[in-house]
PDB file of all heavy atoms in Angstrom:
ATOM      1  N   GLY A   1       8.665  -8.194  -3.011  1.00  0.00           N
ATOM      2  CA  GLY A   1       8.386  -8.345  -4.440  1.00  0.00           C
ATOM      3  C   GLY A   1       7.678  -7.122  -5.000  1.00  0.00           C
ATOM      4  O   GLY A   1       7.681  -6.037  -4.423  1.00  0.00           O
ATOM      5  N   ARG A   2       7.059  -7.321  -6.151  1.00  0.00           N
ATOM      6  CA  ARG A   2       6.441  -6.202  -6.865  1.00  0.00           C
ATOM      7  C   ARG A   2       5.065  -5.862  -6.299  1.00  0.00           C
ATOM      8  O   ARG A   2       4.292  -6.739  -5.961  1.00  0.00           O
ATOM      9  CB  ARG A   2       6.290  -6.542  -8.349  1.00  0.00           C
ATOM     10  CG  ARG A   2       7.606  -6.745  -9.062  1.00  0.00           C
ATOM     11  CD  ARG A   2       7.361  -6.891 -10.567  1.00  0.00           C
ATOM     12  NE  ARG A   2       8.594  -7.201 -11.263  1.00  0.00           N
ATOM     13  CZ  ARG A   2       8.992  -8.440 -11.544  1.00  0.00           C
ATOM     14  NH1 ARG A   2       8.227  -9.454 -11.185  1.00  0.00           N
ATOM     15  NH2 ARG A   2      10.111  -8.670 -12.163  1.00  0.00           N
ATOM     16  N   LEU A   3       4.782  -4.593  -6.215  1.00  0.00           N
ATOM     17  CA  LEU A   3       3.451  -4.107  -5.863  1.00  0.00           C
ATOM     18  C   LEU A   3       2.688  -3.879  -7.164  1.00  0.00           C
ATOM     19  O   LEU A   3       3.164  -3.164  -8.049  1.00  0.00           O
ATOM     20  CB  LEU A   3       3.577  -2.790  -5.085  1.00  0.00           C
ATOM     21  CG  LEU A   3       2.274  -2.061  -4.763  1.00  0.00           C
ATOM     22  CD1 LEU A   3       1.544  -2.802  -3.664  1.00  0.00           C
ATOM     23  CD2 LEU A   3       2.557  -0.635  -4.341  1.00  0.00           C
ATOM     24  N   MET A   4       1.523  -4.511  -7.322  1.00  0.00           N
ATOM     25  CA  MET A   4       0.730  -4.309  -8.520  1.00  0.00           C
ATOM     26  C   MET A   4      -0.348  -3.281  -8.224  1.00  0.00           C
ATOM     27  O   MET A   4      -1.195  -3.492  -7.354  1.00  0.00           O
ATOM     28  CB  MET A   4       0.101  -5.621  -8.987  1.00  0.00           C
ATOM     29  CG  MET A   4      -0.387  -5.534 -10.428  1.00  0.00           C
ATOM     30  SD  MET A   4      -1.563  -6.813 -10.842  1.00  0.00           S
ATOM     31  CE  MET A   4      -3.047  -6.105 -10.163  1.00  0.00           C
ATOM     32  N   LEU A   5      -0.287  -2.174  -8.937  1.00  0.00           N
ATOM     33  CA  LEU A   5      -1.210  -1.069  -8.704  1.00  0.00           C
ATOM     34  C   LEU A   5      -1.810  -0.652 -10.035  1.00  0.00           C
ATOM     35  O   LEU A   5      -1.089  -0.407 -10.996  1.00  0.00           O
ATOM     36  CB  LEU A   5      -0.449   0.110  -8.072  1.00  0.00           C
ATOM     37  CG  LEU A   5      -1.231   1.410  -7.867  1.00  0.00           C
ATOM     38  CD1 LEU A   5      -2.309   1.213  -6.817  1.00  0.00           C
ATOM     39  CD2 LEU A   5      -0.294   2.531  -7.449  1.00  0.00           C
ATOM     40  N   ASP A   6      -3.123  -0.620 -10.108  1.00  0.00           N
ATOM     41  CA  ASP A   6      -3.792  -0.163 -11.319  1.00  0.00           C
ATOM     42  C   ASP A   6      -4.904   0.789 -10.926  1.00  0.00           C
ATOM     43  O   ASP A   6      -5.799   0.439 -10.155  1.00  0.00           O
ATOM     44  CB  ASP A   6      -4.357  -1.355 -12.103  1.00  0.00           C
ATOM     45  CG  ASP A   6      -5.160  -0.889 -13.324  1.00  0.00           C
ATOM     46  OD1 ASP A   6      -4.657   0.016 -14.008  1.00  0.00           O
ATOM     47  OD2 ASP A   6      -6.255  -1.406 -13.550  1.00  0.00           O
ATOM     48  N   ALA A   7      -4.820   2.010 -11.436  1.00  0.00           N
ATOM     49  CA  ALA A   7      -5.844   3.014 -11.154  1.00  0.00           C
ATOM     50  C   ALA A   7      -6.673   3.227 -12.421  1.00  0.00           C
ATOM     51  O   ALA A   7      -6.383   4.100 -13.234  1.00  0.00           O
ATOM     52  CB  ALA A   7      -5.210   4.323 -10.701  1.00  0.00           C
ATOM     53  N   THR A   8      -7.691   2.402 -12.618  1.00  0.00           N
ATOM     54  CA  THR A   8      -8.509   2.435 -13.828  1.00  0.00           C
ATOM     55  C   THR A   8      -9.493   3.605 -13.765  1.00  0.00           C
ATOM     56  O   THR A   8     -10.350   3.667 -12.888  1.00  0.00           O
ATOM     57  CB  THR A   8      -9.275   1.114 -13.988  1.00  0.00           C
ATOM     58  OG1 THR A   8      -8.338   0.038 -14.025  1.00  0.00           O
ATOM     59  CG2 THR A   8     -10.107   1.116 -15.260  1.00  0.00           C
ATOM     60  N   ASN A   9      -9.343   4.527 -14.721  1.00  0.00           N
ATOM     61  CA  ASN A   9     -10.228   5.704 -14.822  1.00  0.00           C
ATOM     62  C   ASN A   9     -10.206   6.572 -13.559  1.00  0.00           C
ATOM     63  O   ASN A   9     -11.120   7.356 -13.319  1.00  0.00           O
ATOM     64  CB  ASN A   9     -11.682   5.273 -15.089  1.00  0.00           C
ATOM     65  CG  ASN A   9     -11.841   4.680 -16.479  1.00  0.00           C
ATOM     66  OD1 ASN A   9     -10.977   4.851 -17.330  1.00  0.00           O
ATOM     67  ND2 ASN A   9     -12.936   3.972 -16.701  1.00  0.00           N
ATOM     68  N   ALA A  10      -9.189   6.428 -12.717  1.00  0.00           N
ATOM     69  CA  ALA A  10      -9.112   7.218 -11.493  1.00  0.00           C
ATOM     70  C   ALA A  10      -8.223   8.431 -11.720  1.00  0.00           C
ATOM     71  O   ALA A  10      -7.453   8.507 -12.682  1.00  0.00           O
ATOM     72  CB  ALA A  10      -8.569   6.370 -10.351  1.00  0.00           C
ATOM     73  N   SER A  11      -8.328   9.401 -10.822  1.00  0.00           N
ATOM     74  CA  SER A  11      -7.479  10.579 -10.923  1.00  0.00           C
ATOM     75  C   SER A  11      -6.029  10.197 -10.617  1.00  0.00           C
ATOM     76  O   SER A  11      -5.770   9.166  -9.995  1.00  0.00           O
ATOM     77  CB  SER A  11      -7.964  11.664  -9.961  1.00  0.00           C
ATOM     78  OG  SER A  11      -8.045  11.174  -8.641  1.00  0.00           O
ATOM     79  N   PRO A  12      -5.042  11.012 -11.072  1.00  0.00           N
ATOM     80  CA  PRO A  12      -3.626  10.649 -10.923  1.00  0.00           C
ATOM     81  C   PRO A  12      -3.224  10.414  -9.470  1.00  0.00           C
ATOM     82  O   PRO A  12      -3.756  11.027  -8.545  1.00  0.00           O
ATOM     83  CB  PRO A  12      -2.896  11.856 -11.519  1.00  0.00           C
ATOM     84  CG  PRO A  12      -3.877  12.467 -12.468  1.00  0.00           C
ATOM     85  CD  PRO A  12      -5.219  12.272 -11.835  1.00  0.00           C
ATOM     86  N   LEU A  13      -2.228   9.524  -9.305  1.00  0.00           N
ATOM     87  CA  LEU A  13      -1.746   9.147  -7.981  1.00  0.00           C
ATOM     88  C   LEU A  13      -0.219   9.154  -8.003  1.00  0.00           C
ATOM     89  O   LEU A  13       0.390   8.623  -8.938  1.00  0.00           O
ATOM     90  CB  LEU A  13      -2.257   7.748  -7.620  1.00  0.00           C
ATOM     91  CG  LEU A  13      -1.692   7.081  -6.366  1.00  0.00           C
ATOM     92  CD1 LEU A  13      -2.154   7.822  -5.123  1.00  0.00           C
ATOM     93  CD2 LEU A  13      -2.109   5.614  -6.305  1.00  0.00           C
ATOM     94  N   ASP A  14       0.401   9.777  -6.996  1.00  0.00           N
ATOM     95  CA  ASP A  14       1.853   9.769  -6.857  1.00  0.00           C
ATOM     96  C   ASP A  14       2.273   8.409  -6.286  1.00  0.00           C
ATOM     97  O   ASP A  14       2.188   8.179  -5.082  1.00  0.00           O
ATOM     98  CB  ASP A  14       2.308  10.909  -5.944  1.00  0.00           C
ATOM     99  CG  ASP A  14       3.832  11.041  -5.887  1.00  0.00           C
ATOM    100  OD1 ASP A  14       4.522  10.025  -6.090  1.00  0.00           O
ATOM    101  OD2 ASP A  14       4.327  12.141  -5.626  1.00  0.00           O
ATOM    102  N   GLU A  15       2.694   7.510  -7.151  1.00  0.00           N
ATOM    103  CA  GLU A  15       2.976   6.138  -6.724  1.00  0.00           C
ATOM    104  C   GLU A  15       4.144   6.065  -5.746  1.00  0.00           C
ATOM    105  O   GLU A  15       4.144   5.245  -4.825  1.00  0.00           O
ATOM    106  CB  GLU A  15       3.244   5.254  -7.941  1.00  0.00           C
ATOM    107  CG  GLU A  15       2.001   5.018  -8.792  1.00  0.00           C
ATOM    108  CD  GLU A  15       2.249   3.986  -9.879  1.00  0.00           C
ATOM    109  OE1 GLU A  15       3.119   3.120  -9.679  1.00  0.00           O
ATOM    110  OE2 GLU A  15       1.579   4.047 -10.917  1.00  0.00           O
ATOM    111  N   ASP A  16       5.173   6.887  -5.949  1.00  0.00           N
ATOM    112  CA  ASP A  16       6.323   6.870  -5.038  1.00  0.00           C
ATOM    113  C   ASP A  16       5.895   7.183  -3.605  1.00  0.00           C
ATOM    114  O   ASP A  16       6.242   6.459  -2.660  1.00  0.00           O
ATOM    115  CB  ASP A  16       7.382   7.885  -5.485  1.00  0.00           C
ATOM    116  CG  ASP A  16       8.379   7.267  -6.447  1.00  0.00           C
ATOM    117  OD1 ASP A  16       8.290   6.048  -6.671  1.00  0.00           O
ATOM    118  OD2 ASP A  16       9.237   7.996  -6.962  1.00  0.00           O
ATOM    119  N   SER A  17       5.131   8.261  -3.445  1.00  0.00           N
ATOM    120  CA  SER A  17       4.675   8.667  -2.113  1.00  0.00           C
ATOM    121  C   SER A  17       3.759   7.603  -1.523  1.00  0.00           C
ATOM    122  O   SER A  17       3.824   7.300  -0.321  1.00  0.00           O
ATOM    123  CB  SER A  17       3.937  10.008  -2.182  1.00  0.00           C
ATOM    124  OG  SER A  17       4.790  11.020  -2.638  1.00  0.00           O
ATOM    125  N   PHE A  18       2.917   7.031  -2.372  1.00  0.00           N
ATOM    126  CA  PHE A  18       1.985   6.012  -1.894  1.00  0.00           C
ATOM    127  C   PHE A  18       2.724   4.769  -1.392  1.00  0.00           C
ATOM    128  O   PHE A  18       2.417   4.240  -0.322  1.00  0.00           O
ATOM    129  CB  PHE A  18       1.017   5.636  -3.016  1.00  0.00           C
ATOM    130  CG  PHE A  18       0.085   4.509  -2.651  1.00  0.00           C
ATOM    131  CD1 PHE A  18      -0.861   4.665  -1.646  1.00  0.00           C
ATOM    132  CD2 PHE A  18       0.170   3.291  -3.301  1.00  0.00           C
ATOM    133  CE1 PHE A  18      -1.713   3.626  -1.296  1.00  0.00           C
ATOM    134  CE2 PHE A  18      -0.677   2.248  -2.967  1.00  0.00           C
ATOM    135  CZ  PHE A  18      -1.618   2.422  -1.957  1.00  0.00           C
ATOM    136  N   ILE A  19       3.713   4.317  -2.151  1.00  0.00           N
ATOM    137  CA  ILE A  19       4.460   3.123  -1.750  1.00  0.00           C
ATOM    138  C   ILE A  19       5.236   3.385  -0.463  1.00  0.00           C
ATOM    139  O   ILE A  19       5.286   2.526   0.429  1.00  0.00           O
ATOM    140  CB  ILE A  19       5.391   2.679  -2.892  1.00  0.00           C
ATOM    141  CG1 ILE A  19       4.558   2.145  -4.064  1.00  0.00           C
ATOM    142  CG2 ILE A  19       6.373   1.601  -2.426  1.00  0.00           C
ATOM    143  CD1 ILE A  19       5.354   1.866  -5.318  1.00  0.00           C
ATOM    144  N   ASP A  20       5.848   4.567  -0.348  1.00  0.00           N
ATOM    145  CA  ASP A  20       6.564   4.902   0.892  1.00  0.00           C
ATOM    146  C   ASP A  20       5.610   4.884   2.086  1.00  0.00           C
ATOM    147  O   ASP A  20       5.939   4.354   3.158  1.00  0.00           O
ATOM    148  CB  ASP A  20       7.227   6.279   0.773  1.00  0.00           C
ATOM    149  CG  ASP A  20       8.408   6.265  -0.185  1.00  0.00           C
ATOM    150  OD1 ASP A  20       8.902   5.158  -0.497  1.00  0.00           O
ATOM    151  OD2 ASP A  20       8.828   7.352  -0.625  1.00  0.00           O
ATOM    152  N   TRP A  21       4.432   5.480   1.897  1.00  0.00           N
ATOM    153  CA  TRP A  21       3.440   5.500   2.988  1.00  0.00           C
ATOM    154  C   TRP A  21       2.992   4.081   3.324  1.00  0.00           C
ATOM    155  O   TRP A  21       2.868   3.721   4.494  1.00  0.00           O
ATOM    156  CB  TRP A  21       2.235   6.347   2.561  1.00  0.00           C
ATOM    157  CG  TRP A  21       1.096   6.270   3.538  1.00  0.00           C
ATOM    158  CD1 TRP A  21       0.922   7.020   4.666  1.00  0.00           C
ATOM    159  CD2 TRP A  21      -0.023   5.370   3.473  1.00  0.00           C
ATOM    160  NE1 TRP A  21      -0.228   6.646   5.306  1.00  0.00           N
ATOM    161  CE2 TRP A  21      -0.835   5.642   4.611  1.00  0.00           C
ATOM    162  CE3 TRP A  21      -0.416   4.380   2.591  1.00  0.00           C
ATOM    163  CZ2 TRP A  21      -2.007   4.940   4.853  1.00  0.00           C
ATOM    164  CZ3 TRP A  21      -1.578   3.685   2.839  1.00  0.00           C
ATOM    165  CH2 TRP A  21      -2.366   3.962   3.958  1.00  0.00           C
ATOM    166  N   LEU A  22       2.758   3.279   2.302  1.00  0.00           N
ATOM    167  CA  LEU A  22       2.282   1.916   2.514  1.00  0.00           C
ATOM    168  C   LEU A  22       3.297   1.102   3.322  1.00  0.00           C
ATOM    169  O   LEU A  22       2.931   0.373   4.250  1.00  0.00           O
ATOM    170  CB  LEU A  22       2.032   1.260   1.157  1.00  0.00           C
ATOM    171  CG  LEU A  22       1.304  -0.088   1.145  1.00  0.00           C
ATOM    172  CD1 LEU A  22      -0.069   0.032   1.775  1.00  0.00           C
ATOM    173  CD2 LEU A  22       1.194  -0.591  -0.296  1.00  0.00           C
ATOM    174  N   ASP A  23       4.576   1.238   2.988  1.00  0.00           N
ATOM    175  CA  ASP A  23       5.614   0.514   3.733  1.00  0.00           C
ATOM    176  C   ASP A  23       5.651   0.948   5.197  1.00  0.00           C
ATOM    177  O   ASP A  23       5.857   0.124   6.099  1.00  0.00           O
ATOM    178  CB  ASP A  23       6.974   0.729   3.083  1.00  0.00           C
ATOM    179  CG  ASP A  23       7.106  -0.006   1.756  1.00  0.00           C
ATOM    180  OD1 ASP A  23       6.307  -0.930   1.524  1.00  0.00           O
ATOM    181  OD2 ASP A  23       7.996   0.344   0.965  1.00  0.00           O
ATOM    182  N   GLU A  24       5.434   2.229   5.446  1.00  0.00           N
ATOM    183  CA  GLU A  24       5.398   2.728   6.829  1.00  0.00           C
ATOM    184  C   GLU A  24       4.223   2.129   7.598  1.00  0.00           C
ATOM    185  O   GLU A  24       4.358   1.745   8.771  1.00  0.00           O
ATOM    186  CB  GLU A  24       5.292   4.255   6.834  1.00  0.00           C
ATOM    187  CG  GLU A  24       6.548   4.960   6.342  1.00  0.00           C
ATOM    188  CD  GLU A  24       6.343   6.462   6.242  1.00  0.00           C
ATOM    189  OE1 GLU A  24       5.220   6.938   6.584  1.00  0.00           O
ATOM    190  OE2 GLU A  24       7.277   7.174   5.821  1.00  0.00           O
ATOM    191  N   GLN A  25       3.075   2.031   6.951  1.00  0.00           N
ATOM    192  CA  GLN A  25       1.899   1.472   7.612  1.00  0.00           C
ATOM    193  C   GLN A  25       2.098  -0.002   7.964  1.00  0.00           C
ATOM    194  O   GLN A  25       1.740  -0.449   9.055  1.00  0.00           O
ATOM    195  CB  GLN A  25       0.651   1.628   6.722  1.00  0.00           C
ATOM    196  CG  GLN A  25       0.299   3.055   6.383  1.00  0.00           C
ATOM    197  CD  GLN A  25       0.157   3.923   7.624  1.00  0.00           C
ATOM    198  OE1 GLN A  25      -0.634   3.624   8.529  1.00  0.00           O
ATOM    199  NE2 GLN A  25       0.938   4.999   7.677  1.00  0.00           N
ATOM    200  N   LEU A  26       2.672  -0.748   7.043  1.00  0.00           N
ATOM    201  CA  LEU A  26       2.934  -2.164   7.305  1.00  0.00           C
ATOM    202  C   LEU A  26       3.872  -2.330   8.499  1.00  0.00           C
ATOM    203  O   LEU A  26       3.739  -3.263   9.291  1.00  0.00           O
ATOM    204  CB  LEU A  26       3.533  -2.834   6.068  1.00  0.00           C
ATOM    205  CG  LEU A  26       2.594  -3.022   4.876  1.00  0.00           C
ATOM    206  CD1 LEU A  26       3.356  -3.565   3.679  1.00  0.00           C
ATOM    207  CD2 LEU A  26       1.439  -3.958   5.229  1.00  0.00           C
ATOM    208  N   ASP A  27       4.816  -1.430   8.615  1.00  0.00           N
ATOM    209  CA  ASP A  27       5.773  -1.491   9.717  1.00  0.00           C
ATOM    210  C   ASP A  27       5.087  -1.196  11.054  1.00  0.00           C
ATOM    211  O   ASP A  27       5.494  -1.706  12.100  1.00  0.00           O
ATOM    212  CB  ASP A  27       6.899  -0.492   9.456  1.00  0.00           C
ATOM    213  CG  ASP A  27       8.073  -0.687  10.399  1.00  0.00           C
ATOM    214  OD1 ASP A  27       8.506  -1.840  10.565  1.00  0.00           O
ATOM    215  OD2 ASP A  27       8.548   0.305  10.981  1.00  0.00           O
ATOM    216  N   GLU A  28       4.028  -0.363  11.016  1.00  0.00           N
ATOM    217  CA  GLU A  28       3.364   0.058  12.250  1.00  0.00           C
ATOM    218  C   GLU A  28       2.272  -0.912  12.711  1.00  0.00           C
ATOM    219  O   GLU A  28       2.031  -1.072  13.910  1.00  0.00           O
ATOM    220  CB  GLU A  28       2.730   1.438  12.052  1.00  0.00           C
ATOM    221  CG  GLU A  28       3.735   2.573  11.888  1.00  0.00           C
ATOM    222  CD  GLU A  28       3.030   3.890  11.626  1.00  0.00           C
ATOM    223  OE1 GLU A  28       1.769   3.918  11.659  1.00  0.00           O
ATOM    224  OE2 GLU A  28       3.722   4.898  11.386  1.00  0.00           O
ATOM    225  N   ILE A  29       1.593  -1.550  11.765  1.00  0.00           N
ATOM    226  CA  ILE A  29       0.412  -2.354  12.096  1.00  0.00           C
ATOM    227  C   ILE A  29       0.810  -3.659  12.789  1.00  0.00           C
ATOM    228  O   ILE A  29       1.665  -4.395  12.305  1.00  0.00           O
ATOM    229  CB  ILE A  29      -0.412  -2.659  10.830  1.00  0.00           C
ATOM    230  CG1 ILE A  29      -1.028  -1.364  10.281  1.00  0.00           C
ATOM    231  CG2 ILE A  29      -1.503  -3.687  11.112  1.00  0.00           C
ATOM    232  CD1 ILE A  29      -1.732  -1.535   8.959  1.00  0.00           C
ATOM    233  N   ALA A  30       0.161  -3.927  13.910  1.00  0.00           N
ATOM    234  CA  ALA A  30       0.344  -5.199  14.626  1.00  0.00           C
ATOM    235  C   ALA A  30      -0.858  -6.087  14.307  1.00  0.00           C
ATOM    236  O   ALA A  30      -1.980  -5.799  14.733  1.00  0.00           O
ATOM    237  CB  ALA A  30       0.464  -4.959  16.126  1.00  0.00           C
ATOM    238  N   ALA A  31      -0.619  -7.154  13.546  1.00  0.00           N
ATOM    239  CA  ALA A  31      -1.711  -8.057  13.162  1.00  0.00           C
ATOM    240  C   ALA A  31      -1.166  -9.474  13.101  1.00  0.00           C
ATOM    241  O   ALA A  31      -0.060  -9.709  12.614  1.00  0.00           O
ATOM    242  CB  ALA A  31      -2.290  -7.646  11.807  1.00  0.00           C
ATOM    243  N   ASP A  32      -1.977 -10.421  13.572  1.00  0.00           N
ATOM    244  CA  ASP A  32      -1.531 -11.810  13.619  1.00  0.00           C
ATOM    245  C   ASP A  32      -1.812 -12.568  12.328  1.00  0.00           C
ATOM    246  O   ASP A  32      -1.123 -13.532  12.001  1.00  0.00           O
ATOM    247  CB  ASP A  32      -2.203 -12.544  14.784  1.00  0.00           C
ATOM    248  CG  ASP A  32      -1.762 -11.995  16.134  1.00  0.00           C
ATOM    249  OD1 ASP A  32      -0.612 -11.528  16.218  1.00  0.00           O
ATOM    250  OD2 ASP A  32      -2.579 -12.021  17.072  1.00  0.00           O
ATOM    251  N   THR A  33      -2.826 -12.151  11.580  1.00  0.00           N
ATOM    252  CA  THR A  33      -3.224 -12.860  10.367  1.00  0.00           C
ATOM    253  C   THR A  33      -3.378 -11.881   9.210  1.00  0.00           C
ATOM    254  O   THR A  33      -3.468 -10.657   9.406  1.00  0.00           O
ATOM    255  CB  THR A  33      -4.552 -13.596  10.568  1.00  0.00           C
ATOM    256  OG1 THR A  33      -5.602 -12.618  10.750  1.00  0.00           O
ATOM    257  CG2 THR A  33      -4.488 -14.514  11.787  1.00  0.00           C
ATOM    258  N   LEU A  34      -3.458 -12.433   7.992  1.00  0.00           N
ATOM    259  CA  LEU A  34      -3.693 -11.588   6.824  1.00  0.00           C
ATOM    260  C   LEU A  34      -5.044 -10.886   6.919  1.00  0.00           C
ATOM    261  O   LEU A  34      -5.184  -9.724   6.515  1.00  0.00           O
ATOM    262  CB  LEU A  34      -3.643 -12.432   5.543  1.00  0.00           C
ATOM    263  CG  LEU A  34      -2.267 -12.913   5.066  1.00  0.00           C
ATOM    264  CD1 LEU A  34      -2.422 -13.732   3.790  1.00  0.00           C
ATOM    265  CD2 LEU A  34      -1.339 -11.741   4.827  1.00  0.00           C
ATOM    266  N   ALA A  35      -6.038 -11.578   7.462  1.00  0.00           N
ATOM    267  CA  ALA A  35      -7.358 -10.958   7.606  1.00  0.00           C
ATOM    268  C   ALA A  35      -7.293  -9.760   8.539  1.00  0.00           C
ATOM    269  O   ALA A  35      -7.895  -8.704   8.266  1.00  0.00           O
ATOM    270  CB  ALA A  35      -8.361 -11.993   8.122  1.00  0.00           C
ATOM    271  N   ASP A  36      -6.559  -9.904   9.650  1.00  0.00           N
ATOM    272  CA  ASP A  36      -6.411  -8.781  10.585  1.00  0.00           C
ATOM    273  C   ASP A  36      -5.636  -7.641   9.938  1.00  0.00           C
ATOM    274  O   ASP A  36      -5.947  -6.459  10.153  1.00  0.00           O
ATOM    275  CB  ASP A  36      -5.684  -9.247  11.856  1.00  0.00           C
ATOM    276  CG  ASP A  36      -6.518 -10.202  12.694  1.00  0.00           C
ATOM    277  OD1 ASP A  36      -7.752 -10.210  12.509  1.00  0.00           O
ATOM    278  OD2 ASP A  36      -5.947 -10.940  13.511  1.00  0.00           O
ATOM    279  N   LEU A  37      -4.623  -7.995   9.161  1.00  0.00           N
ATOM    280  CA  LEU A  37      -3.831  -6.960   8.485  1.00  0.00           C
ATOM    281  C   LEU A  37      -4.703  -6.186   7.502  1.00  0.00           C
ATOM    282  O   LEU A  37      -4.655  -4.953   7.448  1.00  0.00           O
ATOM    283  CB  LEU A  37      -2.655  -7.613   7.755  1.00  0.00           C
ATOM    284  CG  LEU A  37      -1.768  -6.668   6.934  1.00  0.00           C
ATOM    285  CD1 LEU A  37      -1.117  -5.616   7.814  1.00  0.00           C
ATOM    286  CD2 LEU A  37      -0.706  -7.464   6.170  1.00  0.00           C
TER     287      LEU A  37
END
């Protein structure tokens, strides 16, 4: 589904690169629960 990202008063962020990186991390992380994730 949709990723909700809001950078309030923060410096600019390349959302495309961030989302690609985030998907890679989720693929790598081994966690049994949401808390562990």
